[in-house]
Full PDB file with SEQRES, HELIX, SHEET, SSBOND, CRYST1, ORIGX, SCALE, CONECT and MASTER records, all heavy atoms in Angstrom:
SEQRES   1 A   43  GLY PHE GLY ALA VAL GLY MET ASP ARG PHE VAL CYS GLU          
SEQRES   2 A   43  VAL PRO SER GLU SER ALA GLN LEU LEU LYS GLN LEU THR          
SEQRES   3 A   43  ASP ASN ASP TYR TYR ALA ILE ILE LEU PRO GLY VAL ARG          
SEQRES   4 A   43  GLY ASN THR GLY                                              
HELIX    1 AA1 PHE A    2  VAL A    5  5                                   4    
HELIX    2 AA2 PRO A   15  GLU A   17  5                                   3    
HELIX    3 AA3 SER A   18  THR A   26  1                                   9    
CRYST1    1.000    1.000    1.000  90.00  90.00  90.00 P 1           1          
ORIGX1      1.000000  0.000000  0.000000        0.00000                         
ORIGX2      0.000000  1.000000  0.000000        0.00000                         
ORIGX3      0.000000  0.000000  1.000000        0.00000                         
SCALE1      1.000000  0.000000  0.000000        0.00000                         
SCALE2      0.000000  1.000000  0.000000        0.00000                         
SCALE3      0.000000  0.000000  1.000000        0.00000                         
ATOM      1  N   GLY A   1      14.731  10.495 -19.293  1.00  0.00           N  
ATOM      2  CA  GLY A   1      14.646  11.441 -18.182  1.00  0.00           C  
ATOM      3  C   GLY A   1      13.688  11.052 -17.073  1.00  0.00           C  
ATOM      4  O   GLY A   1      13.728  11.619 -15.989  1.00  0.00           O  
ATOM      5  N   PHE A   2      12.834  10.101 -17.318  1.00  0.00           N  
ATOM      6  CA  PHE A   2      11.783   9.798 -16.359  1.00  0.00           C  
ATOM      7  C   PHE A   2      12.261   9.075 -15.106  1.00  0.00           C  
ATOM      8  O   PHE A   2      11.617   9.143 -14.068  1.00  0.00           O  
ATOM      9  CB  PHE A   2      10.663   9.012 -17.044  1.00  0.00           C  
ATOM     10  CG  PHE A   2       9.902   9.839 -18.036  1.00  0.00           C  
ATOM     11  CD1 PHE A   2      10.258   9.838 -19.375  1.00  0.00           C  
ATOM     12  CD2 PHE A   2       8.852  10.632 -17.630  1.00  0.00           C  
ATOM     13  CE1 PHE A   2       9.562  10.608 -20.290  1.00  0.00           C  
ATOM     14  CE2 PHE A   2       8.151  11.410 -18.540  1.00  0.00           C  
ATOM     15  CZ  PHE A   2       8.509  11.405 -19.867  1.00  0.00           C  
ATOM     16  N   GLY A   3      13.384   8.400 -15.173  1.00  0.00           N  
ATOM     17  CA  GLY A   3      13.928   7.739 -13.987  1.00  0.00           C  
ATOM     18  C   GLY A   3      14.329   8.730 -12.914  1.00  0.00           C  
ATOM     19  O   GLY A   3      14.284   8.435 -11.721  1.00  0.00           O  
ATOM     20  N   ALA A   4      14.680   9.947 -13.312  1.00  0.00           N  
ATOM     21  CA  ALA A   4      15.118  10.970 -12.367  1.00  0.00           C  
ATOM     22  C   ALA A   4      14.004  11.420 -11.438  1.00  0.00           C  
ATOM     23  O   ALA A   4      14.273  11.985 -10.378  1.00  0.00           O  
ATOM     24  CB  ALA A   4      15.677  12.173 -13.133  1.00  0.00           C  
ATOM     25  N   VAL A   5      12.769  11.180 -11.823  1.00  0.00           N  
ATOM     26  CA  VAL A   5      11.642  11.574 -10.979  1.00  0.00           C  
ATOM     27  C   VAL A   5      10.929  10.360 -10.380  1.00  0.00           C  
ATOM     28  O   VAL A   5       9.790  10.441  -9.955  1.00  0.00           O  
ATOM     29  CB  VAL A   5      10.647  12.482 -11.736  1.00  0.00           C  
ATOM     30  CG1 VAL A   5      11.273  13.813 -12.052  1.00  0.00           C  
ATOM     31  CG2 VAL A   5      10.130  11.815 -12.981  1.00  0.00           C  
ATOM     32  N   GLY A   6      11.616   9.243 -10.339  1.00  0.00           N  
ATOM     33  CA  GLY A   6      11.110   8.082  -9.624  1.00  0.00           C  
ATOM     34  C   GLY A   6      10.272   7.098 -10.408  1.00  0.00           C  
ATOM     35  O   GLY A   6       9.704   6.176  -9.831  1.00  0.00           O  
ATOM     36  N   MET A   7      10.189   7.262 -11.704  1.00  0.00           N  
ATOM     37  CA  MET A   7       9.431   6.303 -12.505  1.00  0.00           C  
ATOM     38  C   MET A   7      10.318   5.117 -12.871  1.00  0.00           C  
ATOM     39  O   MET A   7      11.510   5.281 -13.070  1.00  0.00           O  
ATOM     40  CB  MET A   7       8.915   6.955 -13.784  1.00  0.00           C  
ATOM     41  CG  MET A   7       7.928   8.051 -13.544  1.00  0.00           C  
ATOM     42  SD  MET A   7       7.371   8.748 -15.097  1.00  0.00           S  
ATOM     43  CE  MET A   7       6.497  10.166 -14.501  1.00  0.00           C  
ATOM     44  N   ASP A   8       9.711   3.955 -12.934  1.00  0.00           N  
ATOM     45  CA  ASP A   8      10.437   2.758 -13.367  1.00  0.00           C  
ATOM     46  C   ASP A   8      10.394   2.708 -14.887  1.00  0.00           C  
ATOM     47  O   ASP A   8       9.319   2.690 -15.477  1.00  0.00           O  
ATOM     48  CB  ASP A   8       9.811   1.496 -12.777  1.00  0.00           C  
ATOM     49  CG  ASP A   8       9.958   1.423 -11.272  1.00  0.00           C  
ATOM     50  OD1 ASP A   8      10.844   2.127 -10.717  1.00  0.00           O  
ATOM     51  OD2 ASP A   8       9.199   0.682 -10.635  1.00  0.00           O  
ATOM     52  N   ARG A   9      11.567   2.700 -15.511  1.00  0.00           N  
ATOM     53  CA  ARG A   9      11.664   2.730 -16.964  1.00  0.00           C  
ATOM     54  C   ARG A   9      11.841   1.326 -17.516  1.00  0.00           C  
ATOM     55  O   ARG A   9      12.614   0.540 -16.993  1.00  0.00           O  
ATOM     56  CB  ARG A   9      12.847   3.594 -17.393  1.00  0.00           C  
ATOM     57  CG  ARG A   9      12.671   5.044 -16.994  1.00  0.00           C  
ATOM     58  CD  ARG A   9      13.918   5.843 -17.262  1.00  0.00           C  
ATOM     59  NE  ARG A   9      14.978   5.327 -16.405  1.00  0.00           N  
ATOM     60  CZ  ARG A   9      16.270   5.354 -16.702  1.00  0.00           C  
ATOM     61  NH1 ARG A   9      16.684   5.887 -17.815  1.00  0.00           N  
ATOM     62  NH2 ARG A   9      17.158   4.865 -15.866  1.00  0.00           N  
ATOM     63  N   PHE A  10      11.122   1.040 -18.606  1.00  0.00           N  
ATOM     64  CA  PHE A  10      11.227  -0.235 -19.296  1.00  0.00           C  
ATOM     65  C   PHE A  10      11.464   0.052 -20.764  1.00  0.00           C  
ATOM     66  O   PHE A  10      10.574   0.520 -21.467  1.00  0.00           O  
ATOM     67  CB  PHE A  10       9.962  -1.080 -19.095  1.00  0.00           C  
ATOM     68  CG  PHE A  10       9.763  -1.501 -17.671  1.00  0.00           C  
ATOM     69  CD1 PHE A  10       9.090  -0.679 -16.782  1.00  0.00           C  
ATOM     70  CD2 PHE A  10      10.295  -2.692 -17.213  1.00  0.00           C  
ATOM     71  CE1 PHE A  10       8.929  -1.044 -15.457  1.00  0.00           C  
ATOM     72  CE2 PHE A  10      10.141  -3.070 -15.890  1.00  0.00           C  
ATOM     73  CZ  PHE A  10       9.460  -2.243 -15.012  1.00  0.00           C  
ATOM     74  N   VAL A  11      12.687  -0.197 -21.197  1.00  0.00           N  
ATOM     75  CA  VAL A  11      13.072   0.089 -22.574  1.00  0.00           C  
ATOM     76  C   VAL A  11      12.527  -1.003 -23.481  1.00  0.00           C  
ATOM     77  O   VAL A  11      12.672  -2.196 -23.218  1.00  0.00           O  
ATOM     78  CB  VAL A  11      14.609   0.177 -22.712  1.00  0.00           C  
ATOM     79  CG1 VAL A  11      15.014   0.369 -24.164  1.00  0.00           C  
ATOM     80  CG2 VAL A  11      15.147   1.316 -21.855  1.00  0.00           C  
ATOM     81  N   CYS A  12      11.883  -0.569 -24.548  1.00  0.00           N  
ATOM     82  CA  CYS A  12      11.359  -1.478 -25.556  1.00  0.00           C  
ATOM     83  C   CYS A  12      11.643  -0.845 -26.910  1.00  0.00           C  
ATOM     84  O   CYS A  12      10.928   0.051 -27.341  1.00  0.00           O  
ATOM     85  CB  CYS A  12       9.863  -1.703 -25.351  1.00  0.00           C  
ATOM     86  SG  CYS A  12       9.194  -2.949 -26.449  1.00  0.00           S  
ATOM     87  N   GLU A  13      12.688  -1.301 -27.551  1.00  0.00           N  
ATOM     88  CA  GLU A  13      13.108  -0.732 -28.835  1.00  0.00           C  
ATOM     89  C   GLU A  13      12.350  -1.341 -30.016  1.00  0.00           C  
ATOM     90  O   GLU A  13      12.316  -0.766 -31.086  1.00  0.00           O  
ATOM     91  CB  GLU A  13      14.618  -0.929 -29.041  1.00  0.00           C  
ATOM     92  CG  GLU A  13      15.492  -0.279 -27.990  1.00  0.00           C  
ATOM     93  CD  GLU A  13      15.542   1.235 -28.052  1.00  0.00           C  
ATOM     94  OE1 GLU A  13      15.037   1.824 -29.031  1.00  0.00           O  
ATOM     95  OE2 GLU A  13      16.067   1.847 -27.114  1.00  0.00           O  
ATOM     96  N   VAL A  14      11.749  -2.513 -29.807  1.00  0.00           N  
ATOM     97  CA  VAL A  14      11.029  -3.213 -30.875  1.00  0.00           C  
ATOM     98  C   VAL A  14       9.534  -3.121 -30.585  1.00  0.00           C  
ATOM     99  O   VAL A  14       9.048  -3.725 -29.628  1.00  0.00           O  
ATOM    100  CB  VAL A  14      11.467  -4.690 -30.965  1.00  0.00           C  
ATOM    101  CG1 VAL A  14      10.746  -5.410 -32.080  1.00  0.00           C  
ATOM    102  CG2 VAL A  14      12.976  -4.789 -31.128  1.00  0.00           C  
ATOM    103  N   PRO A  15       8.796  -2.332 -31.370  1.00  0.00           N  
ATOM    104  CA  PRO A  15       7.372  -2.133 -31.090  1.00  0.00           C  
ATOM    105  C   PRO A  15       6.564  -3.417 -30.946  1.00  0.00           C  
ATOM    106  O   PRO A  15       5.646  -3.484 -30.146  1.00  0.00           O  
ATOM    107  CB  PRO A  15       6.884  -1.310 -32.287  1.00  0.00           C  
ATOM    108  CG  PRO A  15       8.103  -0.593 -32.764  1.00  0.00           C  
ATOM    109  CD  PRO A  15       9.243  -1.556 -32.527  1.00  0.00           C  
ATOM    110  N   SER A  16       6.913  -4.444 -31.692  1.00  0.00           N  
ATOM    111  CA  SER A  16       6.147  -5.693 -31.617  1.00  0.00           C  
ATOM    112  C   SER A  16       6.279  -6.369 -30.248  1.00  0.00           C  
ATOM    113  O   SER A  16       5.444  -7.200 -29.895  1.00  0.00           O  
ATOM    114  CB  SER A  16       6.586  -6.650 -32.721  1.00  0.00           C  
ATOM    115  OG  SER A  16       7.954  -6.985 -32.573  1.00  0.00           O  
ATOM    116  N   GLU A  17       7.283  -6.018 -29.468  1.00  0.00           N  
ATOM    117  CA  GLU A  17       7.472  -6.605 -28.144  1.00  0.00           C  
ATOM    118  C   GLU A  17       6.771  -5.812 -27.043  1.00  0.00           C  
ATOM    119  O   GLU A  17       6.685  -6.255 -25.905  1.00  0.00           O  
ATOM    120  CB  GLU A  17       8.960  -6.714 -27.829  1.00  0.00           C  
ATOM    121  CG  GLU A  17       9.695  -7.658 -28.753  1.00  0.00           C  
ATOM    122  CD  GLU A  17      11.201  -7.653 -28.524  1.00  0.00           C  
ATOM    123  OE1 GLU A  17      11.681  -6.908 -27.658  1.00  0.00           O  
ATOM    124  OE2 GLU A  17      11.891  -8.402 -29.236  1.00  0.00           O  
ATOM    125  N   SER A  18       6.235  -4.645 -27.375  1.00  0.00           N  
ATOM    126  CA  SER A  18       5.645  -3.787 -26.354  1.00  0.00           C  
ATOM    127  C   SER A  18       4.371  -4.381 -25.749  1.00  0.00           C  
ATOM    128  O   SER A  18       4.112  -4.206 -24.560  1.00  0.00           O  
ATOM    129  CB  SER A  18       5.367  -2.391 -26.914  1.00  0.00           C  
ATOM    130  OG  SER A  18       4.446  -2.459 -27.979  1.00  0.00           O  
ATOM    131  N   ALA A  19       3.584  -5.069 -26.533  1.00  0.00           N  
ATOM    132  CA  ALA A  19       2.350  -5.663 -26.008  1.00  0.00           C  
ATOM    133  C   ALA A  19       2.648  -6.698 -24.935  1.00  0.00           C  
ATOM    134  O   ALA A  19       1.977  -6.737 -23.898  1.00  0.00           O  
ATOM    135  CB  ALA A  19       1.542  -6.281 -27.143  1.00  0.00           C  
ATOM    136  N   GLN A  20       3.653  -7.532 -25.167  1.00  0.00           N  
ATOM    137  CA  GLN A  20       4.020  -8.551 -24.177  1.00  0.00           C  
ATOM    138  C   GLN A  20       4.532  -7.891 -22.899  1.00  0.00           C  
ATOM    139  O   GLN A  20       4.168  -8.289 -21.791  1.00  0.00           O  
ATOM    140  CB  GLN A  20       5.071  -9.493 -24.746  1.00  0.00           C  
ATOM    141  CG  GLN A  20       5.487 -10.571 -23.772  1.00  0.00           C  
ATOM    142  CD  GLN A  20       6.558 -11.482 -24.345  1.00  0.00           C  
ATOM    143  OE1 GLN A  20       7.039 -11.289 -25.446  1.00  0.00           O  
ATOM    144  NE2 GLN A  20       6.925 -12.488 -23.581  1.00  0.00           N  
ATOM    145  N   LEU A  21       5.356  -6.870 -23.034  1.00  0.00           N  
ATOM    146  CA  LEU A  21       5.881  -6.161 -21.872  1.00  0.00           C  
ATOM    147  C   LEU A  21       4.746  -5.485 -21.105  1.00  0.00           C  
ATOM    148  O   LEU A  21       4.698  -5.545 -19.879  1.00  0.00           O  
ATOM    149  CB  LEU A  21       6.928  -5.136 -22.304  1.00  0.00           C  
ATOM    150  CG  LEU A  21       7.552  -4.294 -21.206  1.00  0.00           C  
ATOM    151  CD1 LEU A  21       8.205  -5.162 -20.128  1.00  0.00           C  
ATOM    152  CD2 LEU A  21       8.566  -3.331 -21.809  1.00  0.00           C  
ATOM    153  N   LEU A  22       3.837  -4.863 -21.806  1.00  0.00           N  
ATOM    154  CA  LEU A  22       2.701  -4.217 -21.168  1.00  0.00           C  
ATOM    155  C   LEU A  22       1.878  -5.226 -20.375  1.00  0.00           C  
ATOM    156  O   LEU A  22       1.488  -4.963 -19.238  1.00  0.00           O  
ATOM    157  CB  LEU A  22       1.832  -3.531 -22.221  1.00  0.00           C  
ATOM    158  CG  LEU A  22       0.605  -2.786 -21.717  1.00  0.00           C  
ATOM    159  CD1 LEU A  22       0.993  -1.659 -20.779  1.00  0.00           C  
ATOM    160  CD2 LEU A  22      -0.201  -2.268 -22.885  1.00  0.00           C  
ATOM    161  N   LYS A  23       1.623  -6.383 -20.956  1.00  0.00           N  
ATOM    162  CA  LYS A  23       0.866  -7.425 -20.252  1.00  0.00           C  
ATOM    163  C   LYS A  23       1.592  -7.878 -18.988  1.00  0.00           C  
ATOM    164  O   LYS A  23       0.970  -8.019 -17.937  1.00  0.00           O  
ATOM    165  CB  LYS A  23       0.611  -8.619 -21.172  1.00  0.00           C  
ATOM    166  CG  LYS A  23      -0.094  -9.759 -20.459  1.00  0.00           C  
ATOM    167  CD  LYS A  23      -0.957 -10.549 -21.365  1.00  0.00           C  
ATOM    168  CE  LYS A  23      -1.632 -11.713 -20.704  1.00  0.00           C  
ATOM    169  NZ  LYS A  23      -2.176 -11.519 -19.397  1.00  0.00           N  
ATOM    170  N   GLN A  24       2.899  -8.071 -19.074  1.00  0.00           N  
ATOM    171  CA  GLN A  24       3.670  -8.483 -17.903  1.00  0.00           C  
ATOM    172  C   GLN A  24       3.581  -7.448 -16.781  1.00  0.00           C  
ATOM    173  O   GLN A  24       3.450  -7.798 -15.610  1.00  0.00           O  
ATOM    174  CB  GLN A  24       5.146  -8.688 -18.271  1.00  0.00           C  
ATOM    175  CG  GLN A  24       5.412  -9.892 -19.119  1.00  0.00           C  
ATOM    176  CD  GLN A  24       6.861  -9.941 -19.597  1.00  0.00           C  
ATOM    177  OE1 GLN A  24       7.620  -8.975 -19.457  1.00  0.00           O  
ATOM    178  NE2 GLN A  24       7.247 -11.049 -20.185  1.00  0.00           N  
ATOM    179  N   LEU A  25       3.652  -6.196 -17.137  1.00  0.00           N  
ATOM    180  CA  LEU A  25       3.645  -5.139 -16.128  1.00  0.00           C  
ATOM    181  C   LEU A  25       2.276  -4.920 -15.502  1.00  0.00           C  
ATOM    182  O   LEU A  25       2.178  -4.469 -14.359  1.00  0.00           O  
ATOM    183  CB  LEU A  25       4.148  -3.828 -16.735  1.00  0.00           C  
ATOM    184  CG  LEU A  25       5.620  -3.815 -17.147  1.00  0.00           C  
ATOM    185  CD1 LEU A  25       5.963  -2.513 -17.840  1.00  0.00           C  
ATOM    186  CD2 LEU A  25       6.523  -4.032 -15.943  1.00  0.00           C  
ATOM    187  N   THR A  26       1.220  -5.215 -16.227  1.00  0.00           N  
ATOM    188  CA  THR A  26      -0.130  -4.979 -15.696  1.00  0.00           C  
ATOM    189  C   THR A  26      -0.730  -6.207 -15.032  1.00  0.00           C  
ATOM    190  O   THR A  26      -1.759  -6.086 -14.367  1.00  0.00           O  
ATOM    191  CB  THR A  26      -1.071  -4.477 -16.804  1.00  0.00           C  
ATOM    192  OG1 THR A  26      -1.099  -5.422 -17.871  1.00  0.00           O  
ATOM    193  CG2 THR A  26      -0.640  -3.122 -17.317  1.00  0.00           C  
ATOM    194  N   ASP A  27      -0.125  -7.363 -15.172  1.00  0.00           N  
ATOM    195  CA  ASP A  27      -0.675  -8.593 -14.594  1.00  0.00           C  
ATOM    196  C   ASP A  27      -0.843  -8.515 -13.080  1.00  0.00           C  
ATOM    197  O   ASP A  27      -1.813  -9.009 -12.535  1.00  0.00           O  
ATOM    198  CB  ASP A  27       0.188  -9.805 -14.951  1.00  0.00           C  
ATOM    199  CG  ASP A  27      -0.181 -10.394 -16.301  1.00  0.00           C  
ATOM    200  OD1 ASP A  27      -1.230 -10.021 -16.852  1.00  0.00           O  
ATOM    201  OD2 ASP A  27       0.605 -11.222 -16.811  1.00  0.00           O  
ATOM    202  N   ASN A  28       0.103  -7.907 -12.380  1.00  0.00           N  
ATOM    203  CA  ASN A  28       0.038  -7.912 -10.921  1.00  0.00           C  
ATOM    204  C   ASN A  28      -0.566  -6.636 -10.335  1.00  0.00           C  
ATOM    205  O   ASN A  28      -0.592  -6.463  -9.133  1.00  0.00           O  
ATOM    206  CB  ASN A  28       1.423  -8.165 -10.319  1.00  0.00           C  
ATOM    207  CG  ASN A  28       2.419  -7.085 -10.680  1.00  0.00           C  
ATOM    208  OD1 ASN A  28       2.056  -6.036 -11.217  1.00  0.00           O  
ATOM    209  ND2 ASN A  28       3.672  -7.326 -10.387  1.00  0.00           N  
ATOM    210  N   ASP A  29      -1.042  -5.711 -11.179  1.00  0.00           N  
ATOM    211  CA  ASP A  29      -1.684  -4.472 -10.738  1.00  0.00           C  
ATOM    212  C   ASP A  29      -0.768  -3.612  -9.860  1.00  0.00           C  
ATOM    213  O   ASP A  29      -1.230  -2.862  -9.015  1.00  0.00           O  
ATOM    214  CB  ASP A  29      -2.995  -4.793 -10.004  1.00  0.00           C  
ATOM    215  CG  ASP A  29      -3.948  -3.616 -10.020  1.00  0.00           C  
ATOM    216  OD1 ASP A  29      -3.968  -2.873 -11.016  1.00  0.00           O  
ATOM    217  OD2 ASP A  29      -4.660  -3.423  -9.014  1.00  0.00           O  
ATOM    218  N   TYR A  30       0.535  -3.714 -10.063  1.00  0.00           N  
ATOM    219  CA  TYR A  30       1.510  -2.934  -9.303  1.00  0.00           C  
ATOM    220  C   TYR A  30       1.784  -1.589  -9.971  1.00  0.00           C  
ATOM    221  O   TYR A  30       2.089  -0.614  -9.304  1.00  0.00           O  
ATOM    222  CB  TYR A  30       2.814  -3.746  -9.168  1.00  0.00           C  
ATOM    223  CG  TYR A  30       3.900  -3.058  -8.398  1.00  0.00           C  
ATOM    224  CD1 TYR A  30       3.844  -2.956  -7.018  1.00  0.00           C  
ATOM    225  CD2 TYR A  30       5.001  -2.516  -9.062  1.00  0.00           C  
ATOM    226  CE1 TYR A  30       4.853  -2.332  -6.299  1.00  0.00           C  
ATOM    227  CE2 TYR A  30       6.018  -1.888  -8.354  1.00  0.00           C  
ATOM    228  CZ  TYR A  30       5.936  -1.793  -6.988  1.00  0.00           C  
ATOM    229  OH  TYR A  30       6.931  -1.175  -6.275  1.00  0.00           O  
ATOM    230  N   TYR A  31       1.692  -1.543 -11.291  1.00  0.00           N  
ATOM    231  CA  TYR A  31       2.075  -0.353 -12.037  1.00  0.00           C  
ATOM    232  C   TYR A  31       0.897   0.362 -12.683  1.00  0.00           C  
ATOM    233  O   TYR A  31      -0.040  -0.253 -13.164  1.00  0.00           O  
ATOM    234  CB  TYR A  31       3.034  -0.712 -13.183  1.00  0.00           C  
ATOM    235  CG  TYR A  31       4.433  -1.019 -12.745  1.00  0.00           C  
ATOM    236  CD1 TYR A  31       4.946  -2.304 -12.829  1.00  0.00           C  
ATOM    237  CD2 TYR A  31       5.262  -0.018 -12.273  1.00  0.00           C  
ATOM    238  CE1 TYR A  31       6.239  -2.585 -12.440  1.00  0.00           C  
ATOM    239  CE2 TYR A  31       6.561  -0.294 -11.875  1.00  0.00           C  
ATOM    240  CZ  TYR A  31       7.040  -1.578 -11.962  1.00  0.00           C  
ATOM    241  OH  TYR A  31       8.326  -1.849 -11.580  1.00  0.00           O  
ATOM    242  N   ALA A  32       1.004   1.686 -12.700  1.00  0.00           N  
ATOM    243  CA  ALA A  32       0.240   2.526 -13.619  1.00  0.00           C  
ATOM    244  C   ALA A  32       1.204   2.743 -14.790  1.00  0.00           C  
ATOM    245  O   ALA A  32       2.401   2.954 -14.584  1.00  0.00           O  
ATOM    246  CB  ALA A  32      -0.128   3.852 -12.966  1.00  0.00           C  
ATOM    247  N   ILE A  33       0.728   2.689 -16.010  1.00  0.00           N  
ATOM    248  CA  ILE A  33       1.598   2.663 -17.188  1.00  0.00           C  
ATOM    249  C   ILE A  33       1.507   3.969 -17.968  1.00  0.00           C  
ATOM    250  O   ILE A  33       0.428   4.515 -18.164  1.00  0.00           O  
ATOM    251  CB  ILE A  33       1.217   1.507 -18.133  1.00  0.00           C  
ATOM    252  CG1 ILE A  33       1.157   0.167 -17.382  1.00  0.00           C  
ATOM    253  CG2 ILE A  33       2.177   1.428 -19.320  1.00  0.00           C  
ATOM    254  CD1 ILE A  33       2.463  -0.316 -16.844  1.00  0.00           C  
ATOM    255  N   ILE A  34       2.653   4.440 -18.443  1.00  0.00           N  
ATOM    256  CA  ILE A  34       2.722   5.567 -19.363  1.00  0.00           C  
ATOM    257  C   ILE A  34       3.396   5.072 -20.634  1.00  0.00           C  
ATOM    258  O   ILE A  34       4.442   4.433 -20.580  1.00  0.00           O  
ATOM    259  CB  ILE A  34       3.541   6.727 -18.772  1.00  0.00           C  
ATOM    260  CG1 ILE A  34       2.856   7.278 -17.524  1.00  0.00           C  
ATOM    261  CG2 ILE A  34       3.741   7.829 -19.812  1.00  0.00           C  
ATOM    262  CD1 ILE A  34       3.637   8.340 -16.817  1.00  0.00           C  
ATOM    263  N   LEU A  35       2.787   5.360 -21.773  1.00  0.00           N  
ATOM    264  CA  LEU A  35       3.360   5.004 -23.078  1.00  0.00           C  
ATOM    265  C   LEU A  35       3.594   6.283 -23.867  1.00  0.00           C  
ATOM    266  O   LEU A  35       2.741   7.173 -23.864  1.00  0.00           O  
ATOM    267  CB  LEU A  35       2.408   4.099 -23.865  1.00  0.00           C  
ATOM    268  CG  LEU A  35       2.148   2.721 -23.269  1.00  0.00           C  
ATOM    269  CD1 LEU A  35       0.911   2.114 -23.854  1.00  0.00           C  
ATOM    270  CD2 LEU A  35       3.335   1.842 -23.492  1.00  0.00           C  
ATOM    271  N   PRO A  36       4.720   6.404 -24.563  1.00  0.00           N  
ATOM    272  CA  PRO A  36       4.920   7.575 -25.424  1.00  0.00           C  
ATOM    273  C   PRO A  36       3.868   7.617 -26.525  1.00  0.00           C  
ATOM    274  O   PRO A  36       3.276   6.604 -26.871  1.00  0.00           O  
ATOM    275  CB  PRO A  36       6.307   7.357 -26.026  1.00  0.00           C  
ATOM    276  CG  PRO A  36       6.987   6.422 -25.100  1.00  0.00           C  
ATOM    277  CD  PRO A  36       5.898   5.561 -24.547  1.00  0.00           C  
ATOM    278  N   GLY A  37       3.648   8.785 -27.098  1.00  0.00           N  
ATOM    279  CA  GLY A  37       2.644   8.952 -28.145  1.00  0.00           C  
ATOM    280  C   GLY A  37       2.955   8.136 -29.387  1.00  0.00           C  
ATOM    281  O   GLY A  37       4.109   7.797 -29.649  1.00  0.00           O  
ATOM    282  N   VAL A  38       1.922   7.859 -30.162  1.00  0.00           N  
ATOM    283  CA  VAL A  38       2.084   7.046 -31.360  1.00  0.00           C  
ATOM    284  C   VAL A  38       2.844   7.784 -32.459  1.00  0.00           C  
ATOM    285  O   VAL A  38       3.321   7.168 -33.403  1.00  0.00           O  
ATOM    286  CB  VAL A  38       0.719   6.571 -31.911  1.00  0.00           C  
ATOM    287  CG1 VAL A  38       0.055   5.643 -30.930  1.00  0.00           C  
ATOM    288  CG2 VAL A  38      -0.175   7.740 -32.244  1.00  0.00           C  
ATOM    289  N   ARG A  39       2.958   9.084 -32.362  1.00  0.00           N  
ATOM    290  CA  ARG A  39       3.693   9.859 -33.365  1.00  0.00           C  
ATOM    291  C   ARG A  39       5.170   9.988 -33.035  1.00  0.00           C  
ATOM    292  O   ARG A  39       5.884  10.755 -33.653  1.00  0.00           O  
ATOM    293  CB  ARG A  39       3.087  11.245 -33.478  1.00  0.00           C  
ATOM    294  CG  ARG A  39       1.687  11.215 -33.996  1.00  0.00           C  
ATOM    295  CD  ARG A  39       1.138  12.587 -34.165  1.00  0.00           C  
ATOM    296  NE  ARG A  39      -0.257  12.491 -34.520  1.00  0.00           N  
ATOM    297  CZ  ARG A  39      -1.136  13.435 -34.319  1.00  0.00           C  
ATOM    298  NH1 ARG A  39      -0.764  14.563 -33.768  1.00  0.00           N  
ATOM    299  NH2 ARG A  39      -2.383  13.262 -34.669  1.00  0.00           N  
ATOM    300  N   GLY A  40       5.610   9.279 -32.033  1.00  0.00           N  
ATOM    301  CA  GLY A  40       7.009   9.365 -31.653  1.00  0.00           C  
ATOM    302  C   GLY A  40       7.223  10.444 -30.605  1.00  0.00           C  
ATOM    303  O   GLY A  40       6.287  10.971 -30.024  1.00  0.00           O  
ATOM    304  N   ASN A  41       8.447  10.772 -30.356  1.00  0.00           N  
ATOM    305  CA  ASN A  41       8.814  11.744 -29.341  1.00  0.00           C  
ATOM    306  C   ASN A  41       8.564  13.153 -29.867  1.00  0.00           C  
ATOM    307  O   ASN A  41       9.317  13.668 -30.681  1.00  0.00           O  
ATOM    308  CB  ASN A  41      10.276  11.562 -28.955  1.00  0.00           C  
ATOM    309  CG  ASN A  41      10.675  12.460 -27.816  1.00  0.00           C  
ATOM    310  OD1 ASN A  41       9.882  13.233 -27.312  1.00  0.00           O  
ATOM    311  ND2 ASN A  41      11.920  12.351 -27.413  1.00  0.00           N  
ATOM    312  N   THR A  42       7.484  13.772 -29.385  1.00  0.00           N  
ATOM    313  CA  THR A  42       7.163  15.136 -29.803  1.00  0.00           C  
ATOM    314  C   THR A  42       7.726  16.169 -28.839  1.00  0.00           C  
ATOM    315  O   THR A  42       7.689  17.346 -29.119  1.00  0.00           O  
ATOM    316  CB  THR A  42       5.637  15.335 -29.886  1.00  0.00           C  
ATOM    317  OG1 THR A  42       5.086  15.142 -28.578  1.00  0.00           O  
ATOM    318  CG2 THR A  42       5.005  14.385 -30.887  1.00  0.00           C  
ATOM    319  N   GLY A  43       8.215  15.713 -27.705  1.00  0.00           N  
ATOM    320  CA  GLY A  43       8.790  16.618 -26.717  1.00  0.00           C  
ATOM    321  C   GLY A  43       7.785  17.151 -25.713  1.00  0.00           C  
ATOM    322  O   GLY A  43       8.161  17.821 -24.761  1.00  0.00           O  
TER     323      GLY A  43                                                      
MASTER        0    0    0    3    0    0    0    6  322    1    0    4          
END                                                                             
């Protein structure tokens, strides 16, 4: 749902790949990052 309000969505289905994706997105200081909670989707 977050794309509907202008956020850029980056799907990461494999948790072990999230660190690499996070590093790529923060390298150029273009993005502020939001990560879902560690307990999964609580709503």
